Amino acid sequence: MARELPDWDDEEFIHNGEGFYETIDYSDDNKSDSELEEELERIEKEAKFRSRREFLKLMGFGAAGLGILGSGIMAFDWGCGTGKLRRAILTGLGIREWKYECENPTNFKLPFSPLEEYARIEKDILKELGRNDGHSIACVDHAVKVADFIADNIAKRVLETVDTYDAAEAVSKFKRTDYIKMIADEMANAGLFYSEEGLLSRAFDPDLHQEGYFHADCDLIAFIMMHIGRRHNVGMHPLLGPYHLYLTVDSDKEDRCYIVEPTEFRKIEENGSYVNYAGRGIGEGFFSDYDRQKFHGGIVASKEMEEAALLHVPIEDPKILKDGITANILQSLYADAKREDNLDERIAIFNILERTVRDGTRNYVLANNYVITALDVAEDCLKHGRVDDASNLLTHAEYGFNEYKPMINQKGLLERNIREFKQKLAFGRAG
């Protein structure tokens, strides 16, 4: 079958570096795709460029109907041994394809993209609570699409520099610190900025933002970065700190990594009372270290808490990460239900928490939220005369406190609150 031909005389001109242009005849049906590719590679290898930049003039190149080069004169930057023109022609003809996503990201140890898992869990919870309106679900899905868009932009930029069609291979040869900075740059270009948030359905809701902007907290920013890294087969690992999540990025050298503070991916500019969260350039603390992370936000965990909650240790157990995602989502939805004075929904949210911790957890956020939520809902149940519900919730609060005591924050305060509520409950029953 005849290959679709260029618009003029079945030829493409390839600069051979010697002051004239060679041609390749595409009208010969006996030439296979591999033979055409070999011919392009031969011409490119024989080229002896006299400067770093050469310009190729192609007249009317309309290969594969993609319109990669329209009629007229098109300049190409050959780079330095990157084969940019050859690759552009071969992909334009459909002989080769760009590969922006790694199919088997062996360097990324978690079995899923944390961002995709976050989206899945949030949609499931919204559905269970009856909050799965089309707009909310679309906003959750849009979050993943934005992350894919950012990842593909990075892939295109890196592929400009390496003679390959595979983004993961190109990234593996790219300076790792520059790659990490590129992620920050492209996230900023996409309109992302830091702000507290636990729901993708709000973080990527266009009705809540100026056009072209989205917001995300430390967890969501880290998960977006990890989603990008997974697509490019770059090892990244989430780490928990007190009320915080950050990540490590594997170095291009063995047994080394970079510690990255996700909230510093773009500068936060302050001028008096005015704060601009969408500053340009990365923040000073973007590349961090363990010592700084252990004092992040002025909160320092005890040694017991660090060991029990696996703080400042790369998370390798998928359940720990999933439990944390569930806790974040439920915490935000619980705040909404409390603001709306919706006791039944708060009980439904607690039931999801209880179901999640039923088989145990090593995630301190989930463990704390389980105890605190049980006690908070119990208080309101008692106010509404639902004594049996309050008693059942108190049982959960006591169990969670004792079971996860090494991971519990403000143990003294919670223990006192539980004790005082037991007295209230006893008085309520007596009354």
Protein backbone atom coordinates (compact mmCIF):
# COMPACT_ATOMS: atom_id res chain seq x y z
CA MET A 1 0.00 0.00 0.00
CA ALA A 2 1.37 3.40 -0.97
CA ARG A 3 2.55 5.64 1.84
CA GLU A 4 0.92 9.07 2.01
CA LEU A 5 3.26 11.35 0.11
CA PRO A 6 4.43 14.92 0.60
CA ASP A 7 2.81 17.58 -1.53
CA TRP A 8 5.73 18.05 -3.89
CA ASP A 9 7.58 15.53 -6.05
CA ASP A 10 7.59 12.75 -3.47
CA GLU A 11 10.72 14.07 -1.83
CA GLU A 12 11.88 15.48 1.51
CA PHE A 13 15.04 17.51 1.74
CA ILE A 14 17.55 16.65 4.44
CA HIS A 15 20.48 18.95 5.09
CA ASN A 16 23.66 16.85 4.97
CA GLY A 17 25.90 19.47 6.58
CA GLU A 18 28.01 19.93 3.47
CA GLY A 19 26.29 22.96 2.01
CA PHE A 20 23.57 21.16 0.03
CA TYR A 21 20.48 19.06 0.60
CA GLU A 22 19.98 15.36 -0.02
CA THR A 23 16.59 13.93 -0.88
CA ILE A 24 14.74 10.79 0.14
CA ASP A 25 12.25 9.32 -2.32
CA TYR A 26 9.07 8.24 -0.53
CA SER A 27 7.29 7.09 -3.70
CA ASP A 28 9.10 3.76 -3.79
CA ASP A 29 6.56 1.29 -2.35
CA ASN A 30 9.28 -1.32 -2.05
CA LYS A 31 10.95 0.60 0.77
CA SER A 32 9.90 -0.54 4.22
CA ASP A 33 9.50 1.80 7.18
CA SER A 34 12.71 0.45 8.67
CA GLU A 35 14.60 1.11 5.43
CA LEU A 36 13.36 4.69 5.37
CA GLU A 37 14.40 5.13 8.99
CA GLU A 38 17.85 3.73 8.24
CA GLU A 39 18.22 6.15 5.34
CA LEU A 40 17.32 9.10 7.55
CA GLU A 41 19.76 7.94 10.22
CA ARG A 42 22.52 7.48 7.62
CA ILE A 43 22.14 11.03 6.36
CA GLU A 44 22.05 12.40 9.86
CA LYS A 45 25.20 10.50 10.90
CA GLU A 46 27.05 11.71 7.83
CA ALA A 47 26.17 15.31 8.57
CA LYS A 48 29.10 17.41 9.76
CA PHE A 49 27.64 20.43 11.41
CA ARG A 50 29.83 23.52 11.59
CA SER A 51 27.80 25.24 14.33
CA ARG A 52 25.59 24.34 17.23
CA ARG A 53 22.43 25.42 15.43
CA GLU A 54 21.49 24.49 11.83
CA PHE A 55 18.30 25.44 10.07
CA LEU A 56 16.43 23.18 7.70
CA LYS A 57 14.07 24.59 5.11
CA LEU A 58 11.25 22.22 4.25
CA MET A 59 8.72 23.17 1.61
CA GLY A 60 5.16 21.92 2.09
CA PHE A 61 5.81 18.97 4.45
CA GLY A 62 2.38 17.47 5.25
CA ALA A 63 3.30 13.97 6.36
CA ALA A 64 0.74 11.59 7.84
CA GLY A 65 -1.91 14.25 7.68
CA LEU A 66 -0.66 15.67 10.94
CA GLY A 67 0.37 19.00 9.50
CA ILE A 68 3.57 18.95 11.51
CA LEU A 69 5.16 21.18 8.92
CA GLY A 70 2.87 23.26 6.73
CA SER A 71 3.73 24.59 3.31
CA GLY A 72 6.39 27.25 3.19
CA ILE A 73 9.69 27.50 5.02
CA MET A 74 10.05 25.86 8.47
CA ALA A 75 13.15 26.22 10.62
CA PHE A 76 14.37 23.30 12.70
CA ASP A 77 16.82 23.40 15.56
CA TRP A 78 18.95 20.31 15.24
CA GLY A 79 20.43 20.75 18.70
CA CYS A 80 23.64 18.87 19.31
CA GLY A 81 23.28 15.25 18.29
CA THR A 82 19.64 15.05 19.42
CA GLY A 83 18.28 13.90 16.06
CA LYS A 84 15.38 16.29 16.43
CA LEU A 85 14.65 16.57 12.70
CA ARG A 86 14.89 12.85 11.99
CA ARG A 87 12.57 12.13 14.89
CA ALA A 88 10.13 14.82 13.80
CA ILE A 89 9.96 13.36 10.29
CA LEU A 90 9.56 9.76 11.43
CA THR A 91 6.86 10.58 13.95
CA GLY A 92 5.17 12.84 11.41
CA LEU A 93 5.02 9.97 8.93
CA GLY A 94 3.68 7.61 11.56
CA ILE A 95 6.75 5.37 11.31
CA ARG A 96 7.67 6.03 14.92
CA GLU A 97 5.63 7.28 17.89
CA TRP A 98 6.46 9.47 20.85
CA LYS A 99 6.14 7.60 24.12
CA TYR A 100 5.29 10.05 26.88
CA GLU A 101 4.33 7.51 29.56
CA CYS A 102 6.28 4.53 30.89
CA GLU A 103 4.18 1.36 30.74
CA ASN A 104 6.14 -0.47 33.43
CA PRO A 105 7.58 2.09 35.91
CA THR A 106 9.88 -0.27 37.80
CA ASN A 107 11.69 2.56 39.59
CA PHE A 108 8.43 3.73 41.15
CA LYS A 109 7.84 1.26 43.98
CA LEU A 110 4.21 1.96 44.90
CA PRO A 111 1.80 -0.14 42.78
CA PHE A 112 -0.34 2.86 41.86
CA SER A 113 -0.28 6.58 41.26
CA PRO A 114 -1.16 8.23 44.60
CA LEU A 115 -3.08 10.91 42.71
CA GLU A 116 -5.17 8.39 40.80
CA GLU A 117 -5.80 6.48 44.04
CA TYR A 118 -6.83 9.73 45.75
CA ALA A 119 -9.28 10.40 42.92
CA ARG A 120 -10.71 6.87 43.11
CA ILE A 121 -11.18 6.98 46.90
CA GLU A 122 -12.70 10.46 46.84
CA LYS A 123 -15.22 9.50 44.16
CA ASP A 124 -16.17 6.34 46.08
CA ILE A 125 -16.72 8.32 49.31
CA LEU A 126 -18.69 11.07 47.55
CA LYS A 127 -20.90 8.38 46.04
CA GLU A 128 -21.43 6.66 49.39
CA LEU A 129 -22.42 9.97 51.02
CA GLY A 130 -24.69 10.97 48.15
CA ARG A 131 -22.48 13.90 47.17
CA ASN A 132 -21.47 12.52 43.79
CA ASP A 133 -23.04 15.18 41.60
CA GLY A 134 -21.69 15.36 38.08
CA HIS A 135 -19.76 18.58 38.69
CA SER A 136 -17.83 17.21 41.69
CA ILE A 137 -16.89 14.01 39.87
CA ALA A 138 -15.81 15.99 36.80
CA CYS A 139 -13.56 18.17 38.98
CA VAL A 140 -11.92 15.07 40.51
CA ASP A 141 -11.29 13.61 37.05
CA HIS A 142 -9.97 16.96 35.86
CA ALA A 143 -7.25 16.84 38.53
CA VAL A 144 -5.75 13.72 36.94
CA LYS A 145 -6.06 15.22 33.46
CA VAL A 146 -4.17 18.33 34.57
CA ALA A 147 -1.40 16.16 36.06
CA ASP A 148 -1.21 14.16 32.80
CA PHE A 149 -1.00 17.41 30.85
CA ILE A 150 1.87 18.63 33.05
CA ALA A 151 3.68 15.29 32.70
CA ASP A 152 3.36 15.35 28.91
CA ASN A 153 4.69 18.92 28.73
CA ILE A 154 7.71 17.84 30.75
CA ALA A 155 8.18 14.81 28.48
CA LYS A 156 8.18 17.04 25.40
CA ARG A 157 10.74 19.38 26.94
CA VAL A 158 13.08 16.58 27.95
CA LEU A 159 12.72 14.82 24.58
CA GLU A 160 14.08 17.97 22.96
CA THR A 161 17.46 17.14 24.50
CA VAL A 162 17.93 13.39 23.98
CA ASP A 163 17.90 11.28 20.81
CA THR A 164 15.06 8.93 21.74
CA TYR A 165 11.31 8.63 21.33
CA ASP A 166 10.82 7.42 24.91
CA ALA A 167 10.30 10.09 27.58
CA ALA A 168 11.32 7.73 30.42
CA GLU A 169 14.63 7.01 28.68
CA ALA A 170 15.18 10.72 28.06
CA VAL A 171 14.46 11.55 31.71
CA SER A 172 16.91 8.86 32.87
CA LYS A 173 19.67 10.74 31.01
CA PHE A 174 18.53 14.17 32.15
CA LYS A 175 20.09 15.90 35.16
CA ARG A 176 17.77 14.96 38.01
CA THR A 177 17.77 18.32 39.81
CA ASP A 178 16.84 20.03 36.54
CA TYR A 179 14.04 17.51 36.06
CA ILE A 180 12.65 18.23 39.55
CA LYS A 181 12.81 21.97 38.88
CA MET A 182 11.03 21.38 35.57
CA ILE A 183 8.17 19.68 37.42
CA ALA A 184 7.84 22.73 39.68
CA ASP A 185 7.98 25.05 36.69
CA GLU A 186 5.31 23.18 34.74
CA MET A 187 3.02 22.90 37.77
CA ALA A 188 3.24 26.67 38.13
CA ASN A 189 2.63 27.12 34.40
CA ALA A 190 -0.51 25.00 34.75
CA GLY A 191 -1.87 27.45 37.34
CA LEU A 192 -1.34 25.40 40.50
CA PHE A 193 -0.62 27.16 43.80
CA TYR A 194 -0.41 26.07 47.44
CA SER A 195 -3.37 26.37 49.79
CA GLU A 196 -4.91 24.11 52.41
CA GLU A 197 -7.25 21.57 50.84
CA GLY A 198 -8.29 17.94 51.28
CA LEU A 199 -10.63 17.46 48.32
CA LEU A 200 -9.73 17.24 44.65
CA SER A 201 -13.34 18.15 43.88
CA ARG A 202 -12.66 21.59 45.41
CA ALA A 203 -8.99 21.98 44.50
CA PHE A 204 -9.79 21.70 40.79
CA ASP A 205 -13.22 23.32 40.75
CA PRO A 206 -13.09 26.20 38.24
CA ASP A 207 -16.05 27.87 39.99
CA LEU A 208 -13.85 28.44 43.06
CA HIS A 209 -10.88 30.00 41.28
CA GLN A 210 -9.81 32.73 38.96
CA GLU A 211 -9.64 31.36 35.45
CA GLY A 212 -6.61 29.15 34.90
CA TYR A 213 -5.77 28.56 38.58
CA PHE A 214 -6.04 25.57 40.92
CA HIS A 215 -4.98 25.09 44.53
CA ALA A 216 -3.64 22.10 46.46
CA ASP A 217 -2.12 21.33 49.86
CA CYS A 218 1.12 19.50 50.65
CA ASP A 219 -0.40 16.04 50.14
CA LEU A 220 -2.02 16.84 46.81
CA ILE A 221 1.03 18.66 45.44
CA ALA A 222 3.27 15.74 46.44
CA PHE A 223 0.86 13.27 44.82
CA ILE A 224 0.77 15.30 41.61
CA MET A 225 4.57 15.26 41.53
CA MET A 226 4.57 11.51 42.18
CA HIS A 227 2.02 10.97 39.42
CA ILE A 228 4.36 12.76 37.04
CA GLY A 229 7.38 10.83 38.28
CA ARG A 230 5.58 7.51 37.85
CA ARG A 231 4.74 8.33 34.22
CA HIS A 232 8.45 8.95 33.63
CA ASN A 233 9.71 5.98 35.70
CA VAL A 234 11.36 8.15 38.35
CA GLY A 235 11.45 6.77 41.88
CA MET A 236 9.60 8.99 44.35
CA HIS A 237 8.52 8.22 47.91
CA PRO A 238 6.08 10.02 50.24
CA LEU A 239 7.09 10.70 53.84
CA LEU A 240 4.89 11.76 56.74
CA GLY A 241 5.76 14.48 59.22
CA PRO A 242 3.53 15.93 61.95
CA TYR A 243 0.53 17.35 60.06
CA HIS A 244 2.59 17.28 56.87
CA LEU A 245 3.65 15.19 53.89
CA TYR A 246 6.76 15.62 51.75
CA LEU A 247 8.70 13.40 49.37
CA THR A 248 12.02 12.08 48.25
CA VAL A 249 13.06 11.84 44.62
CA ASP A 250 15.64 9.25 43.63
CA SER A 251 18.89 10.74 42.41
CA ASP A 252 20.49 9.83 39.11
CA LYS A 253 23.23 8.36 41.29
CA GLU A 254 22.81 5.14 43.24
CA ASP A 255 21.69 5.16 46.88
CA ARG A 256 21.06 8.89 46.93
CA CYS A 257 17.89 10.96 46.88
CA TYR A 258 16.67 14.53 46.99
CA ILE A 259 14.28 15.65 49.72
CA VAL A 260 11.62 17.93 48.31
CA GLU A 261 9.25 20.25 50.17
CA PRO A 262 6.16 20.31 47.92
CA THR A 263 4.67 23.54 49.27
CA GLU A 264 7.77 25.43 48.05
CA PHE A 265 7.35 24.48 44.40
CA ARG A 266 6.62 28.15 43.76
CA LYS A 267 7.44 31.23 45.82
CA ILE A 268 4.97 32.73 48.25
CA GLU A 269 5.46 36.51 48.03
CA GLU A 270 4.53 38.69 50.99
CA ASN A 271 4.28 42.47 50.95
CA GLY A 272 2.82 43.83 54.16
CA SER A 273 -0.66 42.36 54.52
CA TYR A 274 -0.69 41.20 50.89
CA VAL A 275 0.25 37.56 50.23
CA ASN A 276 0.70 36.20 46.71
CA TYR A 277 0.66 32.40 46.70
CA ALA A 278 1.34 32.30 42.97
CA GLY A 279 4.85 33.73 42.88
CA ARG A 280 7.30 32.77 40.15
CA GLY A 281 10.29 30.54 40.69
CA ILE A 282 10.78 27.87 43.33
CA GLY A 283 10.90 28.73 47.02
CA GLU A 284 14.13 28.67 48.97
CA GLY A 285 13.11 25.52 50.85
CA PHE A 286 12.06 23.46 47.81
CA PHE A 287 15.17 21.30 48.08
CA SER A 288 15.12 20.37 51.74
CA ASP A 289 16.74 17.92 54.18
CA TYR A 290 15.63 15.65 57.01
CA ASP A 291 16.65 18.10 59.76
CA ARG A 292 14.49 20.87 58.33
CA GLN A 293 11.58 18.50 57.79
CA LYS A 294 11.70 17.33 61.41
CA PHE A 295 11.10 20.93 62.48
CA HIS A 296 8.62 21.79 59.71
CA GLY A 297 6.02 24.26 60.89
CA GLY A 298 7.63 24.38 64.33
CA ILE A 299 6.10 20.99 65.23
CA VAL A 300 8.46 18.32 66.52
CA ALA A 301 7.27 14.77 67.16
CA SER A 302 8.43 12.76 70.13
CA LYS A 303 10.67 9.78 69.53
CA GLU A 304 7.79 7.48 70.49
CA MET A 305 5.51 9.20 67.98
CA GLU A 306 8.12 9.07 65.23
CA GLU A 307 8.64 5.33 65.63
CA ALA A 308 4.96 4.41 66.06
CA ALA A 309 3.73 6.56 63.17
CA LEU A 310 6.74 5.86 60.91
CA LEU A 311 7.40 9.57 60.54
CA HIS A 312 10.18 10.76 58.23
CA VAL A 313 10.44 7.27 56.74
CA PRO A 314 9.59 6.58 53.08
CA ILE A 315 6.14 5.01 52.92
CA GLU A 316 6.37 1.61 51.24
CA ASP A 317 3.15 0.03 52.54
CA PRO A 318 0.28 0.99 50.18
CA LYS A 319 -2.27 0.64 53.00
CA ILE A 320 -0.58 3.36 55.07
CA LEU A 321 -0.87 5.74 52.13
CA LYS A 322 -4.46 4.75 51.33
CA ASP A 323 -5.43 5.18 54.99
CA GLY A 324 -3.95 8.68 54.99
CA ILE A 325 -5.79 9.58 51.77
CA THR A 326 -9.07 8.37 53.26
CA ALA A 327 -8.45 10.34 56.46
CA ASN A 328 -7.74 13.57 54.53
CA ILE A 329 -10.88 13.28 52.42
CA LEU A 330 -13.13 12.41 55.36
CA GLN A 331 -11.70 15.20 57.49
CA SER A 332 -12.69 17.78 54.87
CA LEU A 333 -16.14 16.30 54.35
CA TYR A 334 -16.67 16.09 58.12
CA ALA A 335 -15.92 19.81 58.46
CA ASP A 336 -18.53 20.51 55.77
CA ALA A 337 -21.14 18.33 57.50
CA LYS A 338 -20.48 19.98 60.84
CA ARG A 339 -20.78 23.44 59.33
CA GLU A 340 -24.08 22.34 57.77
CA ASP A 341 -25.22 20.87 61.12
CA ASN A 342 -25.77 17.50 59.44
CA LEU A 343 -25.45 14.96 62.24
CA ASP A 344 -26.54 11.98 60.14
CA GLU A 345 -23.80 12.65 57.60
CA ARG A 346 -21.23 13.04 60.35
CA ILE A 347 -22.26 9.62 61.67
CA ALA A 348 -21.97 8.20 58.13
CA ILE A 349 -18.46 9.69 57.85
CA PHE A 350 -17.49 8.13 61.17
CA ASN A 351 -18.77 4.76 59.95
CA ILE A 352 -16.38 4.97 56.99
CA LEU A 353 -13.54 5.83 59.39
CA GLU A 354 -14.43 2.86 61.60
CA ARG A 355 -14.56 0.52 58.62
CA THR A 356 -11.16 1.73 57.45
CA VAL A 357 -9.42 1.13 60.81
CA ARG A 358 -11.17 -2.18 61.45
CA ASP A 359 -8.13 -4.17 60.31
CA GLY A 360 -5.70 -1.83 62.03
CA THR A 361 -3.67 1.08 60.74
CA ARG A 362 -0.17 2.54 60.92
CA ASN A 363 -1.36 5.92 59.67
CA TYR A 364 -1.42 8.36 62.57
CA VAL A 365 -3.79 10.80 60.84
CA LEU A 366 -6.44 8.11 60.45
CA ALA A 367 -5.93 6.86 64.02
CA ASN A 368 -6.29 10.36 65.53
CA ASN A 369 -9.28 11.26 63.36
CA TYR A 370 -10.99 8.02 64.33
CA VAL A 371 -10.78 8.84 68.04
CA ILE A 372 -11.51 12.57 67.76
CA THR A 373 -14.44 12.08 65.39
CA ALA A 374 -16.01 9.37 67.56
CA LEU A 375 -15.88 11.65 70.59
CA ASP A 376 -17.14 14.71 68.71
CA VAL A 377 -20.12 12.90 67.19
CA ALA A 378 -20.88 11.29 70.56
CA GLU A 379 -21.19 14.75 72.13
CA ASP A 380 -23.81 15.84 69.61
CA CYS A 381 -25.66 12.53 69.77
CA LEU A 382 -26.00 13.03 73.52
CA LYS A 383 -27.30 16.58 72.99
CA HIS A 384 -29.98 15.18 70.67
CA GLY A 385 -30.97 12.50 73.16
CA ARG A 386 -29.41 9.68 71.17
CA VAL A 387 -27.89 8.10 74.25
CA ASP A 388 -27.30 4.63 72.80
CA ASP A 389 -25.49 6.12 69.78
CA ALA A 390 -23.40 8.28 72.11
CA SER A 391 -22.48 5.24 74.21
CA ASN A 392 -21.46 3.23 71.15
CA LEU A 393 -19.31 6.09 69.89
CA LEU A 394 -17.65 6.47 73.27
CA THR A 395 -16.69 2.79 73.10
CA HIS A 396 -15.00 3.44 69.77
CA ALA A 397 -13.18 6.50 71.13
CA GLU A 398 -11.83 4.52 74.11
CA TYR A 399 -10.81 1.60 71.92
CA GLY A 400 -9.02 3.82 69.40
CA PHE A 401 -7.25 5.78 72.13
CA ASN A 402 -5.91 2.62 73.80
CA GLU A 403 -5.15 0.75 70.57
CA TYR A 404 -3.23 3.59 68.92
CA LYS A 405 -1.96 5.41 71.99
CA PRO A 406 1.67 5.73 70.80
CA MET A 407 0.38 7.58 67.68
CA ILE A 408 -2.15 9.80 69.44
CA ASN A 409 -1.48 13.54 69.59
CA GLN A 410 -2.23 15.46 72.78
CA LYS A 411 -2.82 12.28 74.77
CA GLY A 412 -3.48 14.11 78.04
CA LEU A 413 -6.16 16.33 76.54
CA LEU A 414 -7.94 13.49 74.75
CA GLU A 415 -7.79 11.26 77.81
CA ARG A 416 -9.39 14.03 79.90
CA ASN A 417 -12.09 14.63 77.26
CA ILE A 418 -12.96 10.94 77.20
CA ARG A 419 -13.16 10.83 80.99
CA GLU A 420 -15.37 13.93 81.15
CA PHE A 421 -17.69 12.62 78.46
CA LYS A 422 -18.14 9.34 80.34
CA GLN A 423 -19.40 11.40 83.28
CA LYS A 424 -21.78 13.33 81.01
CA LEU A 425 -23.09 10.11 79.52
CA ALA A 426 -23.65 8.58 82.97
CA PHE A 427 -25.54 11.72 84.01
CA GLY A 428 -27.57 11.61 80.80
CA ARG A 429 -28.58 8.03 81.37
CA ALA A 430 -29.52 8.83 84.97
CA GLY A 431 -31.59 11.78 83.79
